[in-house]
Amino acid sequence: MDAAGNGFNIVILDACRNSPFTRSWRDTNQGLAQVNAPEGTLIAYSTSPGKVANDGDGRNGTYTGELLRRMKASDLTIEEMFESVRPE
């Protein structure tokens, strides 16, 4: 992201599935680890670090489905959009 030269980056992580790369000798924690990002980066997680989010019933997980629905609201700022997804 630093190399892209953008002033602002958005990363959205939906951890609704366990890692397929788990090995028996590795840690058995599920979900995503916390990520530190360069300055000017917004990281949105579907759940807390180390947790797994709800898969939902459709093509996307619950978090991604709500994001897609809320992104269509043109009257929301990016902060308001993410805040409106959180309770769902």
PDB file of N, CA and C in Angstrom:
ATOM      1  N   MET A   1       0.828  -1.190   0.000  1.00  0.00           N
ATOM      2  CA  MET A   1       0.000   0.000   0.000  1.00  0.00           C
ATOM      3  C   MET A   1       0.869   1.248   0.000  1.00  0.00           C
ATOM      4  N   ASP A   2       2.011   1.192   0.686  1.00  0.00           N
ATOM      5  CA  ASP A   2       2.917   2.340   0.673  1.00  0.00           C
ATOM      6  C   ASP A   2       3.385   2.633  -0.752  1.00  0.00           C
ATOM      7  N   ALA A   3       3.699   1.588  -1.501  1.00  0.00           N
ATOM      8  CA  ALA A   3       4.219   1.752  -2.852  1.00  0.00           C
ATOM      9  C   ALA A   3       3.192   2.338  -3.810  1.00  0.00           C
ATOM     10  N   ALA A   4       1.911   2.184  -3.521  1.00  0.00           N
ATOM     11  CA  ALA A   4       0.864   2.706  -4.400  1.00  0.00           C
ATOM     12  C   ALA A   4       0.835   4.229  -4.397  1.00  0.00           C
ATOM     13  N   GLY A   5       1.320   4.836  -3.319  1.00  0.00           N
ATOM     14  CA  GLY A   5       1.363   6.286  -3.250  1.00  0.00           C
ATOM     15  C   GLY A   5       0.016   6.935  -3.012  1.00  0.00           C
ATOM     16  N   ASN A   6      -0.966   6.178  -2.543  1.00  0.00           N
ATOM     17  CA  ASN A   6      -2.282   6.743  -2.251  1.00  0.00           C
ATOM     18  C   ASN A   6      -2.230   7.494  -0.931  1.00  0.00           C
ATOM     19  N   GLY A   7      -3.033   8.502  -0.789  1.00  0.00           N
ATOM     20  CA  GLY A   7      -3.123   9.208   0.474  1.00  0.00           C
ATOM     21  C   GLY A   7      -4.013   8.492   1.476  1.00  0.00           C
ATOM     22  N   PHE A   8      -4.864   7.582   0.963  1.00  0.00           N
ATOM     23  CA  PHE A   8      -5.798   6.881   1.824  1.00  0.00           C
ATOM     24  C   PHE A   8      -6.095   5.513   1.227  1.00  0.00           C
ATOM     25  N   ASN A   9      -6.050   4.480   2.045  1.00  0.00           N
ATOM     26  CA  ASN A   9      -6.340   3.110   1.616  1.00  0.00           C
ATOM     27  C   ASN A   9      -7.416   2.523   2.506  1.00  0.00           C
ATOM     28  N   ILE A  10      -8.251   1.666   1.939  1.00  0.00           N
ATOM     29  CA  ILE A  10      -9.282   0.962   2.696  1.00  0.00           C
ATOM     30  C   ILE A  10      -9.044  -0.536   2.514  1.00  0.00           C
ATOM     31  N   VAL A  11      -8.981  -1.260   3.635  1.00  0.00           N
ATOM     32  CA  VAL A  11      -8.842  -2.709   3.623  1.00  0.00           C
ATOM     33  C   VAL A  11     -10.022  -3.272   4.400  1.00  0.00           C
ATOM     34  N   ILE A  12     -10.763  -4.191   3.793  1.00  0.00           N
ATOM     35  CA  ILE A  12     -11.912  -4.818   4.451  1.00  0.00           C
ATOM     36  C   ILE A  12     -11.623  -6.305   4.571  1.00  0.00           C
ATOM     37  N   LEU A  13     -11.630  -6.807   5.812  1.00  0.00           N
ATOM     38  CA  LEU A  13     -11.333  -8.213   6.073  1.00  0.00           C
ATOM     39  C   LEU A  13     -12.553  -8.895   6.660  1.00  0.00           C
ATOM     40  N   ASP A  14     -13.094  -9.851   5.924  1.00  0.00           N
ATOM     41  CA  ASP A  14     -14.242 -10.616   6.394  1.00  0.00           C
ATOM     42  C   ASP A  14     -13.760 -12.004   6.768  1.00  0.00           C
ATOM     43  N   ALA A  15     -13.604 -12.251   8.062  1.00  0.00           N
ATOM     44  CA  ALA A  15     -13.063 -13.518   8.562  1.00  0.00           C
ATOM     45  C   ALA A  15     -14.179 -14.502   8.859  1.00  0.00           C
ATOM     46  N   CYS A  16     -14.988 -14.826   7.873  1.00  0.00           N
ATOM     47  CA  CYS A  16     -16.122 -15.703   8.133  1.00  0.00           C
ATOM     48  C   CYS A  16     -15.783 -17.171   7.944  1.00  0.00           C
ATOM     49  N   ARG A  17     -14.557 -17.468   7.581  1.00  0.00           N
ATOM     50  CA  ARG A  17     -14.160 -18.859   7.422  1.00  0.00           C
ATOM     51  C   ARG A  17     -12.817 -19.096   8.081  1.00  0.00           C
ATOM     52  N   ASN A  18     -12.622 -20.294   8.575  1.00  0.00           N
ATOM     53  CA  ASN A  18     -11.342 -20.655   9.180  1.00  0.00           C
ATOM     54  C   ASN A  18     -10.270 -20.748   8.109  1.00  0.00           C
ATOM     55  N   SER A  19      -9.029 -20.581   8.509  1.00  0.00           N
ATOM     56  CA  SER A  19      -7.908 -20.673   7.583  1.00  0.00           C
ATOM     57  C   SER A  19      -7.765 -22.097   7.049  1.00  0.00           C
ATOM     58  N   PRO A  20      -7.662 -22.246   5.738  1.00  0.00           N
ATOM     59  CA  PRO A  20      -7.464 -23.588   5.183  1.00  0.00           C
ATOM     60  C   PRO A  20      -6.019 -24.059   5.345  1.00  0.00           C
ATOM     61  N   PHE A  21      -5.146 -23.198   5.859  1.00  0.00           N
ATOM     62  CA  PHE A  21      -3.728 -23.504   5.960  1.00  0.00           C
ATOM     63  C   PHE A  21      -3.313 -23.993   7.338  1.00  0.00           C
ATOM     64  N   THR A  22      -4.275 -24.282   8.204  1.00  0.00           N
ATOM     65  CA  THR A  22      -3.964 -24.734   9.560  1.00  0.00           C
ATOM     66  C   THR A  22      -3.311 -26.110   9.511  1.00  0.00           C
ATOM     67  N   ARG A  23      -2.255 -26.254  10.293  1.00  0.00           N
ATOM     68  CA  ARG A  23      -1.572 -27.544  10.404  1.00  0.00           C
ATOM     69  C   ARG A  23      -1.642 -27.994  11.853  1.00  0.00           C
ATOM     70  N   SER A  24      -1.523 -29.264  12.062  1.00  0.00           N
ATOM     71  CA  SER A  24      -1.674 -29.801  13.413  1.00  0.00           C
ATOM     72  C   SER A  24      -0.629 -29.266  14.374  1.00  0.00           C
ATOM     73  N   TRP A  25       0.546 -28.872  13.902  1.00  0.00           N
ATOM     74  CA  TRP A  25       1.593 -28.386  14.790  1.00  0.00           C
ATOM     75  C   TRP A  25       1.542 -26.880  14.982  1.00  0.00           C
ATOM     76  N   ARG A  26       0.613 -26.233  14.341  1.00  0.00           N
ATOM     77  CA  ARG A  26       0.466 -24.786  14.490  1.00  0.00           C
ATOM     78  C   ARG A  26      -0.586 -24.450  15.532  1.00  0.00           C
ATOM     79  N   ASP A  27      -0.615 -23.197  15.889  1.00  0.00           N
ATOM     80  CA  ASP A  27      -1.630 -22.687  16.818  1.00  0.00           C
ATOM     81  C   ASP A  27      -3.013 -22.961  16.235  1.00  0.00           C
ATOM     82  N   THR A  28      -3.952 -23.328  17.063  1.00  0.00           N
ATOM     83  CA  THR A  28      -5.293 -23.663  16.580  1.00  0.00           C
ATOM     84  C   THR A  28      -6.264 -22.501  16.669  1.00  0.00           C
ATOM     85  N   ASN A  29      -5.785 -21.294  16.920  1.00  0.00           N
ATOM     86  CA  ASN A  29      -6.680 -20.130  16.962  1.00  0.00           C
ATOM     87  C   ASN A  29      -7.375 -19.965  15.628  1.00  0.00           C
ATOM     88  N   GLN A  30      -8.597 -19.473  15.682  1.00  0.00           N
ATOM     89  CA  GLN A  30      -9.377 -19.251  14.473  1.00  0.00           C
ATOM     90  C   GLN A  30      -9.429 -17.770  14.153  1.00  0.00           C
ATOM     91  N   GLY A  31      -9.856 -17.463  12.944  1.00  0.00           N
ATOM     92  CA  GLY A  31     -10.051 -16.070  12.566  1.00  0.00           C
ATOM     93  C   GLY A  31      -8.755 -15.388  12.162  1.00  0.00           C
ATOM     94  N   LEU A  32      -8.843 -14.085  12.007  1.00  0.00           N
ATOM     95  CA  LEU A  32      -7.704 -13.291  11.560  1.00  0.00           C
ATOM     96  C   LEU A  32      -6.935 -12.716  12.739  1.00  0.00           C
ATOM     97  N   ALA A  33      -5.644 -12.575  12.551  1.00  0.00           N
ATOM     98  CA  ALA A  33      -4.808 -11.895  13.542  1.00  0.00           C
ATOM     99  C   ALA A  33      -4.929 -10.394  13.309  1.00  0.00           C
ATOM    100  N   GLN A  34      -4.626  -9.615  14.323  1.00  0.00           N
ATOM    101  CA  GLN A  34      -4.655  -8.168  14.178  1.00  0.00           C
ATOM    102  C   GLN A  34      -3.584  -7.739  13.183  1.00  0.00           C
ATOM    103  N   VAL A  35      -3.895  -6.738  12.375  1.00  0.00           N
ATOM    104  CA  VAL A  35      -2.981  -6.248  11.349  1.00  0.00           C
ATOM    105  C   VAL A  35      -2.653  -4.789  11.636  1.00  0.00           C
ATOM    106  N   ASN A  36      -1.380  -4.440  11.567  1.00  0.00           N
ATOM    107  CA  ASN A  36      -0.962  -3.045  11.663  1.00  0.00           C
ATOM    108  C   ASN A  36      -0.733  -2.540  10.256  1.00  0.00           C
ATOM    109  N   ALA A  37      -1.247  -1.367   9.968  1.00  0.00           N
ATOM    110  CA  ALA A  37      -1.195  -0.842   8.608  1.00  0.00           C
ATOM    111  C   ALA A  37      -0.491   0.505   8.573  1.00  0.00           C
ATOM    112  N   PRO A  38      -0.052   0.900   7.381  1.00  0.00           N
ATOM    113  CA  PRO A  38       0.578   2.207   7.236  1.00  0.00           C
ATOM    114  C   PRO A  38      -0.380   3.342   7.586  1.00  0.00           C
ATOM    115  N   GLU A  39       0.165   4.488   7.923  1.00  0.00           N
ATOM    116  CA  GLU A  39      -0.637   5.679   8.196  1.00  0.00           C
ATOM    117  C   GLU A  39      -1.511   5.978   6.994  1.00  0.00           C
ATOM    118  N   GLY A  40      -2.742   6.421   7.249  1.00  0.00           N
ATOM    119  CA  GLY A  40      -3.670   6.733   6.162  1.00  0.00           C
ATOM    120  C   GLY A  40      -4.430   5.516   5.677  1.00  0.00           C
ATOM    121  N   THR A  41      -4.478   4.457   6.487  1.00  0.00           N
ATOM    122  CA  THR A  41      -5.176   3.237   6.101  1.00  0.00           C
ATOM    123  C   THR A  41      -6.319   2.968   7.063  1.00  0.00           C
ATOM    124  N   LEU A  42      -7.477   2.686   6.521  1.00  0.00           N
ATOM    125  CA  LEU A  42      -8.634   2.280   7.303  1.00  0.00           C
ATOM    126  C   LEU A  42      -8.781   0.778   7.122  1.00  0.00           C
ATOM    127  N   ILE A  43      -8.757   0.035   8.236  1.00  0.00           N
ATOM    128  CA  ILE A  43      -8.969  -1.409   8.174  1.00  0.00           C
ATOM    129  C   ILE A  43     -10.289  -1.703   8.867  1.00  0.00           C
ATOM    130  N   ALA A  44     -11.183  -2.362   8.162  1.00  0.00           N
ATOM    131  CA  ALA A  44     -12.478  -2.749   8.711  1.00  0.00           C
ATOM    132  C   ALA A  44     -12.499  -4.265   8.842  1.00  0.00           C
ATOM    133  N   TYR A  45     -12.768  -4.737  10.057  1.00  0.00           N
ATOM    134  CA  TYR A  45     -12.836  -6.164  10.333  1.00  0.00           C
ATOM    135  C   TYR A  45     -14.291  -6.592  10.486  1.00  0.00           C
ATOM    136  N   SER A  46     -14.588  -7.802  10.076  1.00  0.00           N
ATOM    137  CA  SER A  46     -15.928  -8.338  10.262  1.00  0.00           C
ATOM    138  C   SER A  46     -16.145  -8.808  11.692  1.00  0.00           C
ATOM    139  N   THR A  47     -15.072  -8.973  12.443  1.00  0.00           N
ATOM    140  CA  THR A  47     -15.159  -9.444  13.818  1.00  0.00           C
ATOM    141  C   THR A  47     -13.883  -9.072  14.557  1.00  0.00           C
ATOM    142  N   SER A  48     -13.815  -9.392  15.812  1.00  0.00           N
ATOM    143  CA  SER A  48     -12.624  -9.110  16.619  1.00  0.00           C
ATOM    144  C   SER A  48     -11.482 -10.036  16.215  1.00  0.00           C
ATOM    145  N   PRO A  49     -10.221  -9.596  16.393  1.00  0.00           N
ATOM    146  CA  PRO A  49      -9.086 -10.483  16.090  1.00  0.00           C
ATOM    147  C   PRO A  49      -9.205 -11.803  16.848  1.00  0.00           C
ATOM    148  N   GLY A  50      -8.901 -12.896  16.167  1.00  0.00           N
ATOM    149  CA  GLY A  50      -8.967 -14.215  16.768  1.00  0.00           C
ATOM    150  C   GLY A  50     -10.345 -14.852  16.748  1.00  0.00           C
ATOM    151  N   LYS A  51     -11.333 -14.141  16.227  1.00  0.00           N
ATOM    152  CA  LYS A  51     -12.708 -14.655  16.156  1.00  0.00           C
ATOM    153  C   LYS A  51     -13.071 -14.953  14.709  1.00  0.00           C
ATOM    154  N   VAL A  52     -14.153 -15.684  14.511  1.00  0.00           N
ATOM    155  CA  VAL A  52     -14.668 -15.984  13.179  1.00  0.00           C
ATOM    156  C   VAL A  52     -16.068 -15.403  13.077  1.00  0.00           C
ATOM    157  N   ALA A  53     -16.328 -14.669  12.006  1.00  0.00           N
ATOM    158  CA  ALA A  53     -17.631 -14.021  11.822  1.00  0.00           C
ATOM    159  C   ALA A  53     -18.656 -15.009  11.261  1.00  0.00           C
ATOM    160  N   ASN A  54     -19.910 -14.625  11.318  1.00  0.00           N
ATOM    161  CA  ASN A  54     -21.017 -15.432  10.822  1.00  0.00           C
ATOM    162  C   ASN A  54     -20.939 -15.565   9.306  1.00  0.00           C
ATOM    163  N   ASP A  55     -21.053 -16.802   8.804  1.00  0.00           N
ATOM    164  CA  ASP A  55     -21.035 -17.057   7.366  1.00  0.00           C
ATOM    165  C   ASP A  55     -22.249 -16.501   6.651  1.00  0.00           C
ATOM    166  N   GLY A  56     -23.389 -16.450   7.322  1.00  0.00           N
ATOM    167  CA  GLY A  56     -24.619 -16.026   6.665  1.00  0.00           C
ATOM    168  C   GLY A  56     -25.195 -17.144   5.824  1.00  0.00           C
ATOM    169  N   ASP A  57     -26.294 -16.847   5.138  1.00  0.00           N
ATOM    170  CA  ASP A  57     -26.986 -17.868   4.354  1.00  0.00           C
ATOM    171  C   ASP A  57     -26.789 -17.715   2.852  1.00  0.00           C
ATOM    172  N   GLY A  58     -26.303 -16.572   2.420  1.00  0.00           N
ATOM    173  CA  GLY A  58     -26.208 -16.300   0.990  1.00  0.00           C
ATOM    174  C   GLY A  58     -24.813 -16.492   0.428  1.00  0.00           C
ATOM    175  N   ARG A  59     -24.574 -15.823  -0.664  1.00  0.00           N
ATOM    176  CA  ARG A  59     -23.292 -15.909  -1.365  1.00  0.00           C
ATOM    177  C   ARG A  59     -22.156 -15.333  -0.531  1.00  0.00           C
ATOM    178  N   ASN A  60     -22.441 -14.299   0.238  1.00  0.00           N
ATOM    179  CA  ASN A  60     -21.435 -13.623   1.058  1.00  0.00           C
ATOM    180  C   ASN A  60     -21.710 -13.848   2.535  1.00  0.00           C
ATOM    181  N   GLY A  61     -20.691 -13.605   3.345  1.00  0.00           N
ATOM    182  CA  GLY A  61     -20.881 -13.632   4.789  1.00  0.00           C
ATOM    183  C   GLY A  61     -21.802 -12.498   5.205  1.00  0.00           C
ATOM    184  N   THR A  62     -22.262 -12.546   6.439  1.00  0.00           N
ATOM    185  CA  THR A  62     -23.181 -11.534   6.955  1.00  0.00           C
ATOM    186  C   THR A  62     -22.581 -10.141   6.835  1.00  0.00           C
ATOM    187  N   TYR A  63     -21.325  -9.983   7.226  1.00  0.00           N
ATOM    188  CA  TYR A  63     -20.654  -8.680   7.197  1.00  0.00           C
ATOM    189  C   TYR A  63     -20.561  -8.132   5.775  1.00  0.00           C
ATOM    190  N   THR A  64     -20.076  -8.944   4.854  1.00  0.00           N
ATOM    191  CA  THR A  64     -19.941  -8.500   3.464  1.00  0.00           C
ATOM    192  C   THR A  64     -21.298  -8.175   2.853  1.00  0.00           C
ATOM    193  N   GLY A  65     -22.301  -8.981   3.147  1.00  0.00           N
ATOM    194  CA  GLY A  65     -23.644  -8.709   2.640  1.00  0.00           C
ATOM    195  C   GLY A  65     -24.173  -7.366   3.113  1.00  0.00           C
ATOM    196  N   GLU A  66     -23.973  -7.066   4.401  1.00  0.00           N
ATOM    197  CA  GLU A  66     -24.412  -5.771   4.932  1.00  0.00           C
ATOM    198  C   GLU A  66     -23.607  -4.623   4.335  1.00  0.00           C
ATOM    199  N   LEU A  67     -22.297  -4.812   4.166  1.00  0.00           N
ATOM    200  CA  LEU A  67     -21.477  -3.765   3.532  1.00  0.00           C
ATOM    201  C   LEU A  67     -21.982  -3.449   2.134  1.00  0.00           C
ATOM    202  N   LEU A  68     -22.236  -4.485   1.352  1.00  0.00           N
ATOM    203  CA  LEU A  68     -22.704  -4.274  -0.014  1.00  0.00           C
ATOM    204  C   LEU A  68     -24.035  -3.527  -0.034  1.00  0.00           C
ATOM    205  N   ARG A  69     -24.904  -3.854   0.900  1.00  0.00           N
ATOM    206  CA  ARG A  69     -26.210  -3.188   0.973  1.00  0.00           C
ATOM    207  C   ARG A  69     -26.049  -1.725   1.383  1.00  0.00           C
ATOM    208  N   ARG A  70     -25.216  -1.468   2.380  1.00  0.00           N
ATOM    209  CA  ARG A  70     -25.056  -0.105   2.915  1.00  0.00           C
ATOM    210  C   ARG A  70     -24.224   0.795   2.004  1.00  0.00           C
ATOM    211  N   MET A  71     -23.340   0.236   1.211  1.00  0.00           N
ATOM    212  CA  MET A  71     -22.507   1.044   0.304  1.00  0.00           C
ATOM    213  C   MET A  71     -23.353   1.788  -0.723  1.00  0.00           C
ATOM    214  N   LYS A  72     -24.538   1.301  -0.966  1.00  0.00           N
ATOM    215  CA  LYS A  72     -25.426   1.919  -1.958  1.00  0.00           C
ATOM    216  C   LYS A  72     -26.087   3.193  -1.451  1.00  0.00           C
ATOM    217  N   ALA A  73     -26.004   3.448  -0.145  1.00  0.00           N
ATOM    218  CA  ALA A  73     -26.616   4.648   0.433  1.00  0.00           C
ATOM    219  C   ALA A  73     -25.704   5.843   0.182  1.00  0.00           C
ATOM    220  N   SER A  74     -26.085   6.705  -0.729  1.00  0.00           N
ATOM    221  CA  SER A  74     -25.236   7.825  -1.129  1.00  0.00           C
ATOM    222  C   SER A  74     -25.192   8.950  -0.097  1.00  0.00           C
ATOM    223  N   ASP A  75     -26.086   8.899   0.891  1.00  0.00           N
ATOM    224  CA  ASP A  75     -26.136   9.990   1.862  1.00  0.00           C
ATOM    225  C   ASP A  75     -25.273   9.726   3.100  1.00  0.00           C
ATOM    226  N   LEU A  76     -24.506   8.634   3.118  1.00  0.00           N
ATOM    227  CA  LEU A  76     -23.673   8.294   4.269  1.00  0.00           C
ATOM    228  C   LEU A  76     -22.201   8.599   3.999  1.00  0.00           C
ATOM    229  N   THR A  77     -21.510   9.086   5.027  1.00  0.00           N
ATOM    230  CA  THR A  77     -20.049   9.180   4.933  1.00  0.00           C
ATOM    231  C   THR A  77     -19.496   7.772   5.114  1.00  0.00           C
ATOM    232  N   ILE A  78     -18.225   7.583   4.844  1.00  0.00           N
ATOM    233  CA  ILE A  78     -17.638   6.255   5.015  1.00  0.00           C
ATOM    234  C   ILE A  78     -17.707   5.802   6.473  1.00  0.00           C
ATOM    235  N   GLU A  79     -17.512   6.745   7.398  1.00  0.00           N
ATOM    236  CA  GLU A  79     -17.608   6.403   8.818  1.00  0.00           C
ATOM    237  C   GLU A  79     -19.023   5.969   9.182  1.00  0.00           C
ATOM    238  N   GLU A  80     -20.021   6.711   8.698  1.00  0.00           N
ATOM    239  CA  GLU A  80     -21.414   6.370   8.979  1.00  0.00           C
ATOM    240  C   GLU A  80     -21.789   5.029   8.370  1.00  0.00           C
ATOM    241  N   MET A  81     -21.258   4.744   7.183  1.00  0.00           N
ATOM    242  CA  MET A  81     -21.558   3.483   6.525  1.00  0.00           C
ATOM    243  C   MET A  81     -21.034   2.314   7.366  1.00  0.00           C
ATOM    244  N   PHE A  82     -19.773   2.376   7.802  1.00  0.00           N
ATOM    245  CA  PHE A  82     -19.213   1.298   8.617  1.00  0.00           C
ATOM    246  C   PHE A  82     -19.928   1.192   9.963  1.00  0.00           C
ATOM    247  N   GLU A  83     -20.275   2.326  10.559  1.00  0.00           N
ATOM    248  CA  GLU A  83     -21.000   2.314  11.837  1.00  0.00           C
ATOM    249  C   GLU A  83     -22.390   1.708  11.691  1.00  0.00           C
ATOM    250  N   SER A  84     -23.027   1.893  10.540  1.00  0.00           N
ATOM    251  CA  SER A  84     -24.362   1.332  10.333  1.00  0.00           C
ATOM    252  C   SER A  84     -24.318  -0.183  10.113  1.00  0.00           C
ATOM    253  N   VAL A  85     -23.185  -0.694   9.678  1.00  0.00           N
ATOM    254  CA  VAL A  85     -23.023  -2.139   9.461  1.00  0.00           C
ATOM    255  C   VAL A  85     -22.781  -2.867  10.780  1.00  0.00           C
ATOM    256  N   ARG A  86     -22.076  -2.234  11.708  1.00  0.00           N
ATOM    257  CA  ARG A  86     -21.659  -2.868  12.950  1.00  0.00           C
ATOM    258  C   ARG A  86     -22.774  -3.590  13.693  1.00  0.00           C
ATOM    259  N   PRO A  87     -23.934  -2.956  13.946  1.00  0.00           N
ATOM    260  CA  PRO A  87     -24.971  -3.644  14.724  1.00  0.00           C
ATOM    261  C   PRO A  87     -25.541  -4.892  14.020  1.00  0.00           C
ATOM    262  N   GLU A  88     -25.494  -4.904  12.715  1.00  0.00           N
ATOM    263  CA  GLU A  88     -26.059  -6.022  11.947  1.00  0.00           C
ATOM    264  C   GLU A  88     -25.166  -7.235  12.016  1.00  0.00           C
TER     265      GLU A  88
END
